[in-house]
């Protein structure tokens, strides 16, 4: 296996930091499940050569007083370069090509009641993916976006109360689609969590 990865990091305006990573992987003679094998019979073929390329970018920091942000994006492309039946086709079809994560948290500040309140919003999204090529129970994940929220109140220097809401819009989706040896998993439905924290 040959690999190459380049990483750039750079602060922006003193309040934000950015990073960018690029990668290029080559994998030769990788085992590949025979799509014509009878169900339950793990016959494998020489997959020839697989190429995986992509890049990642992340921005994080404080663009203004009281506001923390984080944004990350990942692009992944996998392709069969040398394969008798799948040459030119994507290899890891159960891995999404696009992934995006966003999160922000704002604390109002000040001496009023509102000054002890902080609000957070986040999103996780990914592109389409499907279960392994050639299997009977084909599952296609058309892509999804899930939103999460949080509100917190600092009671005093020792106690804080927070309410987290996951999957705000109760989106039904597959968190992952599997291969022959793994399973398809639904993402968690909308849920609430109330937390009281104490520190001394």
C-alpha atoms as a PDB file:
ATOM      1  CA  UNK A   1       0.000   0.000   0.000  1.00  0.00           C
ATOM      2  CA  UNK A   2       1.307   3.434  -0.942  1.00  0.00           C
ATOM      3  CA  UNK A   3      -0.018   6.571   0.715  1.00  0.00           C
ATOM      4  CA  UNK A   4       0.494  10.286   0.683  1.00  0.00           C
ATOM      5  CA  UNK A   5      -0.959  12.918   2.980  1.00  0.00           C
ATOM      6  CA  UNK A   6      -0.394  16.659   3.092  1.00  0.00           C
ATOM      7  CA  UNK A   7      -1.687  18.857   5.924  1.00  0.00           C
ATOM      8  CA  UNK A   8      -1.896  22.672   6.014  1.00  0.00           C
ATOM      9  CA  UNK A   9      -2.858  24.634   9.126  1.00  0.00           C
ATOM     10  CA  UNK A  10      -3.357  28.380   9.306  1.00  0.00           C
ATOM     11  CA  UNK A  11      -4.901  30.773  11.879  1.00  0.00           C
ATOM     12  CA  UNK A  12      -7.371  33.323  10.514  1.00  0.00           C
ATOM     13  CA  UNK A  13      -7.869  36.810  12.019  1.00  0.00           C
ATOM     14  CA  UNK A  14      -6.639  35.604  15.393  1.00  0.00           C
ATOM     15  CA  UNK A  15     -10.079  34.170  16.191  1.00  0.00           C
ATOM     16  CA  UNK A  16     -10.380  31.241  13.794  1.00  0.00           C
ATOM     17  CA  UNK A  17      -8.046  28.427  12.794  1.00  0.00           C
ATOM     18  CA  UNK A  18      -8.212  26.405   9.593  1.00  0.00           C
ATOM     19  CA  UNK A  19      -6.701  23.076   8.573  1.00  0.00           C
ATOM     20  CA  UNK A  20      -6.670  21.300   5.218  1.00  0.00           C
ATOM     21  CA  UNK A  21      -5.533  17.728   4.582  1.00  0.00           C
ATOM     22  CA  UNK A  22      -5.216  15.898   1.252  1.00  0.00           C
ATOM     23  CA  UNK A  23      -4.626  12.151   0.895  1.00  0.00           C
ATOM     24  CA  UNK A  24      -3.957   9.653  -1.894  1.00  0.00           C
ATOM     25  CA  UNK A  25      -3.879   5.909  -1.144  1.00  0.00           C
ATOM     26  CA  UNK A  26      -3.148   2.968  -3.485  1.00  0.00           C
ATOM     27  CA  UNK A  27      -3.954  -0.580  -2.373  1.00  0.00           C
ATOM     28  CA  UNK A  28      -2.885  -3.556  -4.528  1.00  0.00           C
ATOM     29  CA  UNK A  29      -4.130  -7.180  -4.372  1.00  0.00           C
ATOM     30  CA  UNK A  30      -6.915  -6.360  -1.934  1.00  0.00           C
ATOM     31  CA  UNK A  31      -9.451  -9.118  -1.191  1.00  0.00           C
ATOM     32  CA  UNK A  32     -12.861  -8.522  -2.757  1.00  0.00           C
ATOM     33  CA  UNK A  33     -15.981 -10.630  -2.165  1.00  0.00           C
ATOM     34  CA  UNK A  34     -17.050 -12.515  -5.293  1.00  0.00           C
ATOM     35  CA  UNK A  35     -20.457 -11.034  -6.276  1.00  0.00           C
ATOM     36  CA  UNK A  36     -21.410 -14.350  -7.934  1.00  0.00           C
ATOM     37  CA  UNK A  37     -20.699 -16.468  -4.862  1.00  0.00           C
ATOM     38  CA  UNK A  38     -23.709 -18.305  -3.340  1.00  0.00           C
ATOM     39  CA  UNK A  39     -25.265 -16.563  -0.303  1.00  0.00           C
ATOM     40  CA  UNK A  40     -23.368 -17.337   2.864  1.00  0.00           C
ATOM     41  CA  UNK A  41     -20.300 -18.540   0.959  1.00  0.00           C
ATOM     42  CA  UNK A  42     -17.362 -16.168   1.423  1.00  0.00           C
ATOM     43  CA  UNK A  43     -15.467 -16.529  -1.855  1.00  0.00           C
ATOM     44  CA  UNK A  44     -12.987 -13.745  -2.524  1.00  0.00           C
ATOM     45  CA  UNK A  45     -11.252 -12.448  -5.622  1.00  0.00           C
ATOM     46  CA  UNK A  46      -8.043 -10.538  -6.200  1.00  0.00           C
ATOM     47  CA  UNK A  47      -9.315  -6.944  -6.325  1.00  0.00           C
ATOM     48  CA  UNK A  48      -6.383  -5.695  -8.352  1.00  0.00           C
ATOM     49  CA  UNK A  49      -5.681  -2.084  -7.445  1.00  0.00           C
ATOM     50  CA  UNK A  50      -7.828   0.350  -5.461  1.00  0.00           C
ATOM     51  CA  UNK A  51      -7.348   4.105  -5.349  1.00  0.00           C
ATOM     52  CA  UNK A  52      -8.686   6.249  -2.495  1.00  0.00           C
ATOM     53  CA  UNK A  53      -8.333  10.009  -2.690  1.00  0.00           C
ATOM     54  CA  UNK A  54      -9.901  12.901  -0.874  1.00  0.00           C
ATOM     55  CA  UNK A  55      -9.463  15.907   1.332  1.00  0.00           C
ATOM     56  CA  UNK A  56     -10.608  17.287   4.668  1.00  0.00           C
ATOM     57  CA  UNK A  57     -11.091  20.877   5.780  1.00  0.00           C
ATOM     58  CA  UNK A  58     -11.872  22.196   9.256  1.00  0.00           C
ATOM     59  CA  UNK A  59     -12.494  25.682  10.633  1.00  0.00           C
ATOM     60  CA  UNK A  60     -12.815  26.312  14.367  1.00  0.00           C
ATOM     61  CA  UNK A  61     -12.492  29.101  16.873  1.00  0.00           C
ATOM     62  CA  UNK A  62     -14.158  32.302  18.109  1.00  0.00           C
ATOM     63  CA  UNK A  63     -15.207  34.681  15.329  1.00  0.00           C
ATOM     64  CA  UNK A  64     -16.783  37.012  17.910  1.00  0.00           C
ATOM     65  CA  UNK A  65     -17.113  37.339  21.666  1.00  0.00           C
ATOM     66  CA  UNK A  66     -19.203  34.559  23.198  1.00  0.00           C
ATOM     67  CA  UNK A  67     -19.472  32.535  19.982  1.00  0.00           C
ATOM     68  CA  UNK A  68     -17.626  29.239  19.379  1.00  0.00           C
ATOM     69  CA  UNK A  69     -17.915  27.596  15.970  1.00  0.00           C
ATOM     70  CA  UNK A  70     -16.639  24.451  14.257  1.00  0.00           C
ATOM     71  CA  UNK A  71     -17.178  23.374  10.656  1.00  0.00           C
ATOM     72  CA  UNK A  72     -15.687  20.333   8.971  1.00  0.00           C
ATOM     73  CA  UNK A  73     -16.020  18.827   5.504  1.00  0.00           C
ATOM     74  CA  UNK A  74     -14.652  15.541   4.121  1.00  0.00           C
ATOM     75  CA  UNK A  75     -14.572  14.374   0.515  1.00  0.00           C
ATOM     76  CA  UNK A  76     -13.715  10.735  -0.267  1.00  0.00           C
ATOM     77  CA  UNK A  77     -13.472   8.970  -3.623  1.00  0.00           C
ATOM     78  CA  UNK A  78     -12.627   5.266  -3.958  1.00  0.00           C
ATOM     79  CA  UNK A  79     -12.263   3.553  -7.323  1.00  0.00           C
ATOM     80  CA  UNK A  80     -11.272   0.161  -8.727  1.00  0.00           C
ATOM     81  CA  UNK A  81      -8.327   0.776 -11.058  1.00  0.00           C
ATOM     82  CA  UNK A  82      -7.699  -2.879 -11.947  1.00  0.00           C
ATOM     83  CA  UNK A  83     -10.497  -5.393 -11.497  1.00  0.00           C
ATOM     84  CA  UNK A  84     -12.054  -7.956 -13.846  1.00  0.00           C
ATOM     85  CA  UNK A  85     -15.711  -6.977 -13.217  1.00  0.00           C
ATOM     86  CA  UNK A  86     -15.662  -3.613 -11.425  1.00  0.00           C
ATOM     87  CA  UNK A  87     -12.885  -1.638 -13.106  1.00  0.00           C
ATOM     88  CA  UNK A  88     -13.712   2.047 -13.118  1.00  0.00           C
ATOM     89  CA  UNK A  89     -16.493   1.651 -10.543  1.00  0.00           C
ATOM     90  CA  UNK A  90     -16.460   2.992  -6.972  1.00  0.00           C
ATOM     91  CA  UNK A  91     -14.921   0.517  -4.515  1.00  0.00           C
ATOM     92  CA  UNK A  92     -16.207   1.468  -1.070  1.00  0.00           C
ATOM     93  CA  UNK A  93     -19.817   2.153  -2.019  1.00  0.00           C
ATOM     94  CA  UNK A  94     -20.897   2.013   1.650  1.00  0.00           C
ATOM     95  CA  UNK A  95     -18.691   5.033   2.438  1.00  0.00           C
ATOM     96  CA  UNK A  96     -20.329   8.406   1.660  1.00  0.00           C
ATOM     97  CA  UNK A  97     -18.468  10.700  -0.724  1.00  0.00           C
ATOM     98  CA  UNK A  98     -19.455  13.866   1.149  1.00  0.00           C
ATOM     99  CA  UNK A  99     -19.594  14.463   4.918  1.00  0.00           C
ATOM    100  CA  UNK A 100     -20.304  17.780   6.653  1.00  0.00           C
ATOM    101  CA  UNK A 101     -20.325  18.719  10.334  1.00  0.00           C
ATOM    102  CA  UNK A 102     -21.306  22.090  11.785  1.00  0.00           C
ATOM    103  CA  UNK A 103     -21.547  23.218  15.399  1.00  0.00           C
ATOM    104  CA  UNK A 104     -21.907  26.559  17.145  1.00  0.00           C
ATOM    105  CA  UNK A 105     -22.389  27.625  20.746  1.00  0.00           C
ATOM    106  CA  UNK A 106     -23.224  31.140  21.908  1.00  0.00           C
ATOM    107  CA  UNK A 107     -23.021  32.434  25.472  1.00  0.00           C
ATOM    108  CA  UNK A 108     -24.807  35.743  25.984  1.00  0.00           C
ATOM    109  CA  UNK A 109     -22.678  37.010  28.858  1.00  0.00           C
ATOM    110  CA  UNK A 110     -23.345  39.956  31.117  1.00  0.00           C
ATOM    111  CA  UNK A 111     -24.833  40.271  34.601  1.00  0.00           C
ATOM    112  CA  UNK A 112     -28.487  39.636  33.740  1.00  0.00           C
ATOM    113  CA  UNK A 113     -30.350  36.311  33.782  1.00  0.00           C
ATOM    114  CA  UNK A 114     -29.641  35.927  30.081  1.00  0.00           C
ATOM    115  CA  UNK A 115     -25.941  36.285  30.749  1.00  0.00           C
ATOM    116  CA  UNK A 116     -25.904  32.811  32.286  1.00  0.00           C
ATOM    117  CA  UNK A 117     -27.556  31.197  29.245  1.00  0.00           C
ATOM    118  CA  UNK A 118     -25.780  29.503  26.347  1.00  0.00           C
ATOM    119  CA  UNK A 119     -27.342  28.029  23.193  1.00  0.00           C
ATOM    120  CA  UNK A 120     -25.815  25.478  20.844  1.00  0.00           C
ATOM    121  CA  UNK A 121     -26.866  24.298  17.383  1.00  0.00           C
ATOM    122  CA  UNK A 122     -25.297  21.586  15.265  1.00  0.00           C
ATOM    123  CA  UNK A 123     -25.744  19.588  12.084  1.00  0.00           C
ATOM    124  CA  UNK A 124     -24.320  16.364  10.701  1.00  0.00           C
ATOM    125  CA  UNK A 125     -24.867  15.519   7.041  1.00  0.00           C
ATOM    126  CA  UNK A 126     -23.568  12.999   4.552  1.00  0.00           C
ATOM    127  CA  UNK A 127     -24.128  11.985   0.957  1.00  0.00           C
ATOM    128  CA  UNK A 128     -25.505   8.772  -0.506  1.00  0.00           C
ATOM    129  CA  UNK A 129     -24.129   5.308   0.284  1.00  0.00           C
ATOM    130  CA  UNK A 130     -25.299   1.730  -0.256  1.00  0.00           C
ATOM    131  CA  UNK A 131     -24.667  -1.756   1.066  1.00  0.00           C
ATOM    132  CA  UNK A 132     -22.118  -3.962  -0.670  1.00  0.00           C
ATOM    133  CA  UNK A 133     -22.575  -4.435  -4.413  1.00  0.00           C
ATOM    134  CA  UNK A 134     -24.237  -7.716  -5.444  1.00  0.00           C
ATOM    135  CA  UNK A 135     -25.940  -8.630  -2.159  1.00  0.00           C
ATOM    136  CA  UNK A 136     -29.594  -9.703  -2.024  1.00  0.00           C
ATOM    137  CA  UNK A 137     -30.687  -7.222   0.654  1.00  0.00           C
ATOM    138  CA  UNK A 138     -29.600  -4.022  -1.051  1.00  0.00           C
ATOM    139  CA  UNK A 139     -29.947  -0.946   1.176  1.00  0.00           C
ATOM    140  CA  UNK A 140     -29.459   2.520  -0.280  1.00  0.00           C
ATOM    141  CA  UNK A 141     -28.879   5.487   2.012  1.00  0.00           C
ATOM    142  CA  UNK A 142     -29.870   8.502  -0.080  1.00  0.00           C
ATOM    143  CA  UNK A 143     -28.076  10.921   2.224  1.00  0.00           C
ATOM    144  CA  UNK A 144     -29.317  12.802   5.255  1.00  0.00           C
ATOM    145  CA  UNK A 145     -28.878  15.794   7.541  1.00  0.00           C
ATOM    146  CA  UNK A 146     -29.495  15.581  11.290  1.00  0.00           C
ATOM    147  CA  UNK A 147     -29.825  18.661  13.513  1.00  0.00           C
ATOM    148  CA  UNK A 148     -29.052  18.795  17.227  1.00  0.00           C
ATOM    149  CA  UNK A 149     -29.634  21.536  19.782  1.00  0.00           C
ATOM    150  CA  UNK A 150     -28.594  22.461  23.308  1.00  0.00           C
ATOM    151  CA  UNK A 151     -29.533  25.109  25.850  1.00  0.00           C
ATOM    152  CA  UNK A 152     -27.755  25.514  29.163  1.00  0.00           C
ATOM    153  CA  UNK A 153     -28.055  27.707  32.237  1.00  0.00           C
ATOM    154  CA  UNK A 154     -25.282  28.337  34.752  1.00  0.00           C
ATOM    155  CA  UNK A 155     -27.054  28.401  38.108  1.00  0.00           C
ATOM    156  CA  UNK A 156     -23.946  29.506  39.998  1.00  0.00           C
ATOM    157  CA  UNK A 157     -20.211  28.808  40.014  1.00  0.00           C
ATOM    158  CA  UNK A 158     -20.832  25.189  41.069  1.00  0.00           C
ATOM    159  CA  UNK A 159     -24.047  24.115  39.310  1.00  0.00           C
ATOM    160  CA  UNK A 160     -25.264  24.168  35.727  1.00  0.00           C
ATOM    161  CA  UNK A 161     -28.355  22.771  33.998  1.00  0.00           C
ATOM    162  CA  UNK A 162     -28.491  21.779  30.322  1.00  0.00           C
ATOM    163  CA  UNK A 163     -31.041  20.313  27.903  1.00  0.00           C
ATOM    164  CA  UNK A 164     -29.823  18.481  24.807  1.00  0.00           C
ATOM    165  CA  UNK A 165     -32.137  17.614  21.909  1.00  0.00           C
ATOM    166  CA  UNK A 166     -30.741  15.107  19.427  1.00  0.00           C
ATOM    167  CA  UNK A 167     -32.246  14.656  15.947  1.00  0.00           C
ATOM    168  CA  UNK A 168     -34.537  17.667  16.420  1.00  0.00           C
ATOM    169  CA  UNK A 169     -36.732  16.884  13.388  1.00  0.00           C
ATOM    170  CA  UNK A 170     -36.873  13.132  14.176  1.00  0.00           C
ATOM    171  CA  UNK A 171     -35.285  12.194  10.841  1.00  0.00           C
ATOM    172  CA  UNK A 172     -35.362   8.471  10.001  1.00  0.00           C
ATOM    173  CA  UNK A 173     -32.109   7.429   8.364  1.00  0.00           C
ATOM    174  CA  UNK A 174     -29.406   4.783   8.256  1.00  0.00           C
ATOM    175  CA  UNK A 175     -26.444   5.829  10.360  1.00  0.00           C
ATOM    176  CA  UNK A 176     -24.441   3.191   8.470  1.00  0.00           C
ATOM    177  CA  UNK A 177     -25.004   0.618   5.754  1.00  0.00           C
ATOM    178  CA  UNK A 178     -23.141  -2.631   6.111  1.00  0.00           C
ATOM    179  CA  UNK A 179     -21.256  -5.252   4.188  1.00  0.00           C
ATOM    180  CA  UNK A 180     -21.596  -9.030   4.211  1.00  0.00           C
ATOM    181  CA  UNK A 181     -20.061  -9.244   7.689  1.00  0.00           C
ATOM    182  CA  UNK A 182     -21.760  -6.212   9.256  1.00  0.00           C
ATOM    183  CA  UNK A 183     -25.281  -4.812   9.511  1.00  0.00           C
ATOM    184  CA  UNK A 184     -27.326  -1.773   8.596  1.00  0.00           C
ATOM    185  CA  UNK A 185     -28.032   0.497  11.564  1.00  0.00           C
ATOM    186  CA  UNK A 186     -30.741   3.133  11.874  1.00  0.00           C
ATOM    187  CA  UNK A 187     -29.749   6.430  13.434  1.00  0.00           C
ATOM    188  CA  UNK A 188     -31.179   7.316  16.823  1.00  0.00           C
ATOM    189  CA  UNK A 189     -34.648   8.938  16.791  1.00  0.00           C
ATOM    190  CA  UNK A 190     -35.318  12.274  18.472  1.00  0.00           C
ATOM    191  CA  UNK A 191     -34.283  12.215  22.110  1.00  0.00           C
ATOM    192  CA  UNK A 192     -33.989  14.609  25.038  1.00  0.00           C
ATOM    193  CA  UNK A 193     -31.438  14.636  27.845  1.00  0.00           C
ATOM    194  CA  UNK A 194     -31.628  16.935  30.867  1.00  0.00           C
ATOM    195  CA  UNK A 195     -28.373  17.145  32.834  1.00  0.00           C
ATOM    196  CA  UNK A 196     -27.489  18.768  36.140  1.00  0.00           C
ATOM    197  CA  UNK A 197     -23.753  19.199  36.677  1.00  0.00           C
ATOM    198  CA  UNK A 198     -21.935  20.022  39.873  1.00  0.00           C
ATOM    199  CA  UNK A 199     -18.276  20.959  40.213  1.00  0.00           C
ATOM    200  CA  UNK A 200     -16.206  22.021  43.218  1.00  0.00           C
END
